[in-house]
C-alpha atoms as a PDB file:
ATOM      1  CA  MET A   1      -0.007  -0.047   0.024  1.00  0.00           C
ATOM      2  CA  ARG A   2       1.254   3.435  -0.781  1.00  0.00           C
ATOM      3  CA  HIS A   3      -0.797   5.492   1.665  1.00  0.00           C
ATOM      4  CA  ARG A   4       0.513   8.980   2.243  1.00  0.00           C
ATOM      5  CA  LYS A   5       3.132   8.685  -0.507  1.00  0.00           C
ATOM      6  CA  LYS A   6       2.254  11.764  -2.469  1.00  0.00           C
ATOM      7  CA  GLY A   7       4.258  12.764  -5.583  1.00  0.00           C
ATOM      8  CA  ARG A   8       6.100  11.141  -8.384  1.00  0.00           C
ATOM      9  CA  LYS A   9       9.798  10.270  -8.060  1.00  0.00           C
ATOM     10  CA  LEU A  10      10.479  10.922 -11.771  1.00  0.00           C
ATOM     11  CA  GLY A  11      13.493   8.640 -11.641  1.00  0.00           C
ATOM     12  CA  ARG A  12      15.569  11.222  -9.778  1.00  0.00           C
ATOM     13  CA  THR A  13      17.027  11.747  -6.290  1.00  0.00           C
ATOM     14  CA  ALA A  14      15.245  14.263  -4.097  1.00  0.00           C
ATOM     15  CA  GLN A  15      17.764  17.011  -4.847  1.00  0.00           C
ATOM     16  CA  HIS A  16      17.635  16.435  -8.580  1.00  0.00           C
ATOM     17  CA  ARG A  17      13.808  16.369  -8.457  1.00  0.00           C
ATOM     18  CA  ARG A  18      13.771  19.628  -6.518  1.00  0.00           C
ATOM     19  CA  ALA A  19      16.135  21.277  -9.031  1.00  0.00           C
ATOM     20  CA  THR A  20      14.066  20.011 -12.002  1.00  0.00           C
ATOM     21  CA  LEU A  21      10.879  21.546 -10.524  1.00  0.00           C
ATOM     22  CA  ARG A  22      12.638  24.844  -9.835  1.00  0.00           C
ATOM     23  CA  ASN A  23      14.046  25.053 -13.419  1.00  0.00           C
ATOM     24  CA  MET A  24      10.678  24.047 -14.955  1.00  0.00           C
ATOM     25  CA  ALA A  25       8.771  26.623 -12.836  1.00  0.00           C
ATOM     26  CA  THR A  26      11.322  29.355 -13.857  1.00  0.00           C
ATOM     27  CA  SER A  27      10.879  28.392 -17.518  1.00  0.00           C
ATOM     28  CA  LEU A  28       7.048  28.389 -17.205  1.00  0.00           C
ATOM     29  CA  PHE A  29       6.981  31.869 -15.708  1.00  0.00           C
ATOM     30  CA  ARG A  30       9.497  33.132 -18.249  1.00  0.00           C
ATOM     31  CA  HIS A  31       7.826  31.793 -21.392  1.00  0.00           C
ATOM     32  CA  GLY A  32       4.215  31.278 -20.254  1.00  0.00           C
ATOM     33  CA  ARG A  33       4.119  27.725 -21.571  1.00  0.00           C
ATOM     34  CA  ILE A  34       6.466  24.766 -21.758  1.00  0.00           C
ATOM     35  CA  GLU A  35       6.329  21.351 -23.398  1.00  0.00           C
ATOM     36  CA  THR A  36       7.320  18.411 -21.145  1.00  0.00           C
ATOM     37  CA  THR A  37       6.292  14.926 -20.222  1.00  0.00           C
ATOM     38  CA  THR A  38       2.799  14.479 -18.638  1.00  0.00           C
ATOM     39  CA  ALA A  39       4.251  13.163 -15.418  1.00  0.00           C
ATOM     40  CA  LYS A  40       6.561  16.218 -15.034  1.00  0.00           C
ATOM     41  CA  ALA A  41       3.702  18.584 -15.932  1.00  0.00           C
ATOM     42  CA  LYS A  42       1.419  17.063 -13.335  1.00  0.00           C
ATOM     43  CA  GLU A  43       4.107  17.421 -10.692  1.00  0.00           C
ATOM     44  CA  LEU A  44       4.860  21.081 -11.788  1.00  0.00           C
ATOM     45  CA  ARG A  45       1.254  22.212 -11.491  1.00  0.00           C
ATOM     46  CA  PRO A  46       0.879  22.423  -7.719  1.00  0.00           C
ATOM     47  CA  TYR A  47       4.430  23.709  -7.338  1.00  0.00           C
ATOM     48  CA  ALA A  48       3.834  26.571  -9.800  1.00  0.00           C
ATOM     49  CA  GLU A  49       0.354  27.336  -8.485  1.00  0.00           C
ATOM     50  CA  ARG A  50       1.748  27.676  -4.919  1.00  0.00           C
ATOM     51  CA  LEU A  51       4.193  30.251  -6.213  1.00  0.00           C
ATOM     52  CA  ILE A  52       1.529  32.196  -8.034  1.00  0.00           C
ATOM     53  CA  THR A  53      -0.537  32.271  -4.829  1.00  0.00           C
ATOM     54  CA  LEU A  54       2.541  33.732  -3.080  1.00  0.00           C
ATOM     55  CA  ALA A  55       2.771  36.362  -5.865  1.00  0.00           C
ATOM     56  CA  LYS A  56      -0.857  37.288  -5.399  1.00  0.00           C
ATOM     57  CA  ARG A  57      -0.108  38.058  -1.675  1.00  0.00           C
ATOM     58  CA  GLY A  58       2.788  40.214  -2.830  1.00  0.00           C
ATOM     59  CA  ASP A  59       4.254  41.088   0.569  1.00  0.00           C
ATOM     60  CA  LEU A  60       7.948  40.904   1.450  1.00  0.00           C
ATOM     61  CA  HIS A  61       7.670  37.554   3.292  1.00  0.00           C
ATOM     62  CA  ALA A  62       5.906  35.994   0.208  1.00  0.00           C
ATOM     63  CA  ARG A  63       8.617  37.424  -2.060  1.00  0.00           C
ATOM     64  CA  ARG A  64      11.383  35.895   0.103  1.00  0.00           C
ATOM     65  CA  GLN A  65       9.608  32.547   0.179  1.00  0.00           C
ATOM     66  CA  ALA A  66       9.243  32.534  -3.628  1.00  0.00           C
ATOM     67  CA  ALA A  67      12.866  33.603  -3.950  1.00  0.00           C
ATOM     68  CA  ARG A  68      13.938  30.371  -2.307  1.00  0.00           C
ATOM     69  CA  LYS A  69      12.303  28.487  -5.228  1.00  0.00           C
ATOM     70  CA  ILE A  70      12.856  30.948  -8.139  1.00  0.00           C
ATOM     71  CA  GLN A  71      16.437  31.997  -8.172  1.00  0.00           C
ATOM     72  CA  ASP A  72      16.341  34.168 -11.273  1.00  0.00           C
ATOM     73  CA  ARG A  73      15.671  37.726 -10.178  1.00  0.00           C
ATOM     74  CA  GLU A  74      14.171  38.754 -13.476  1.00  0.00           C
ATOM     75  CA  VAL A  75      11.677  35.933 -13.446  1.00  0.00           C
ATOM     76  CA  LEU A  76      10.896  36.556  -9.805  1.00  0.00           C
ATOM     77  CA  GLY A  77      10.138  40.219 -10.606  1.00  0.00           C
ATOM     78  CA  HIS A  78       7.946  39.168 -13.547  1.00  0.00           C
ATOM     79  CA  LEU A  79       6.089  36.750 -11.270  1.00  0.00           C
ATOM     80  CA  PHE A  80       5.315  39.362  -8.582  1.00  0.00           C
ATOM     81  CA  ASP A  81       4.835  42.415 -10.903  1.00  0.00           C
ATOM     82  CA  ASP A  82       2.849  40.815 -13.824  1.00  0.00           C
ATOM     83  CA  ILE A  83       1.658  37.265 -13.175  1.00  0.00           C
ATOM     84  CA  GLY A  84       0.428  37.756  -9.538  1.00  0.00           C
ATOM     85  CA  PRO A  85      -1.730  40.816 -10.233  1.00  0.00           C
ATOM     86  CA  ARG A  86      -2.998  39.117 -13.411  1.00  0.00           C
ATOM     87  CA  PHE A  87      -4.615  36.330 -11.307  1.00  0.00           C
ATOM     88  CA  SER A  88      -5.629  38.460  -8.350  1.00  0.00           C
ATOM     89  CA  GLN A  89      -9.379  37.748  -8.863  1.00  0.00           C
ATOM     90  CA  ARG A  90      -8.945  34.105  -9.687  1.00  0.00           C
ATOM     91  CA  PRO A  91      -9.228  31.717  -6.727  1.00  0.00           C
ATOM     92  CA  GLY A  92      -6.911  28.973  -8.197  1.00  0.00           C
ATOM     93  CA  GLY A  93      -6.468  27.017 -11.340  1.00  0.00           C
ATOM     94  CA  TYR A  94      -3.814  29.178 -12.817  1.00  0.00           C
ATOM     95  CA  THR A  95      -2.305  26.549 -15.144  1.00  0.00           C
ATOM     96  CA  ARG A  96      -3.652  24.224 -17.824  1.00  0.00           C
ATOM     97  CA  ILE A  97      -2.246  20.908 -19.011  1.00  0.00           C
ATOM     98  CA  LEU A  98      -2.886  19.875 -22.638  1.00  0.00           C
ATOM     99  CA  LYS A  99      -1.993  16.396 -23.772  1.00  0.00           C
ATOM    100  CA  LEU A 100      -0.016  16.304 -26.980  1.00  0.00           C
ATOM    101  CA  GLY A 101       0.395  12.564 -27.610  1.00  0.00           C
ATOM    102  CA  ALA A 102       3.493  10.398 -27.651  1.00  0.00           C
ATOM    103  CA  ARG A 103       7.033  11.577 -28.215  1.00  0.00           C
ATOM    104  CA  LYS A 104       8.596  10.069 -31.311  1.00  0.00           C
ATOM    105  CA  GLY A 105      11.810   8.822 -29.810  1.00  0.00           C
ATOM    106  CA  ASP A 106      10.648   6.900 -26.715  1.00  0.00           C
ATOM    107  CA  ALA A 107       6.815   7.157 -26.874  1.00  0.00           C
ATOM    108  CA  ALA A 108       6.615   9.159 -23.663  1.00  0.00           C
ATOM    109  CA  ASP A 109       3.385  10.947 -23.159  1.00  0.00           C
ATOM    110  CA  MET A 110       3.911  14.650 -23.812  1.00  0.00           C
ATOM    111  CA  SER A 111       1.942  17.653 -22.572  1.00  0.00           C
ATOM    112  CA  LEU A 112       1.949  21.421 -22.787  1.00  0.00           C
ATOM    113  CA  ILE A 113       1.566  23.210 -19.462  1.00  0.00           C
ATOM    114  CA  GLU A 114       0.680  26.866 -19.738  1.00  0.00           C
ATOM    115  CA  LEU A 115      -0.600  29.744 -17.680  1.00  0.00           C
ATOM    116  CA  VAL A 116      -4.327  30.357 -18.095  1.00  0.00           C
ATOM    117  CA  ASP A 117      -5.200  33.738 -19.648  1.00  0.00           C
END
């Protein structure tokens, strides 16, 4: 039984998994959408939505908490100055995952994760 074993391991160590999510969230906020495997997209969704919720709060403590996860200052500024206010009236559900089908090389399920307009 796998009770209380939330999350996917993604074939990585804990540190590598943490770095992968940080980099994917940074890319998502920089470009607005990224193409990745479905498993990674499903893991990224709650991670990114938590950061957007911090950006909606917008105070100094929230900015410092988000800076622990997003280490690119330019992207952090974009998150707090543009993305947070854009979703200020939305009570959640800031991202969308669209299935793209199988990747040609290894038949991995691919998805597009994007910020909702």
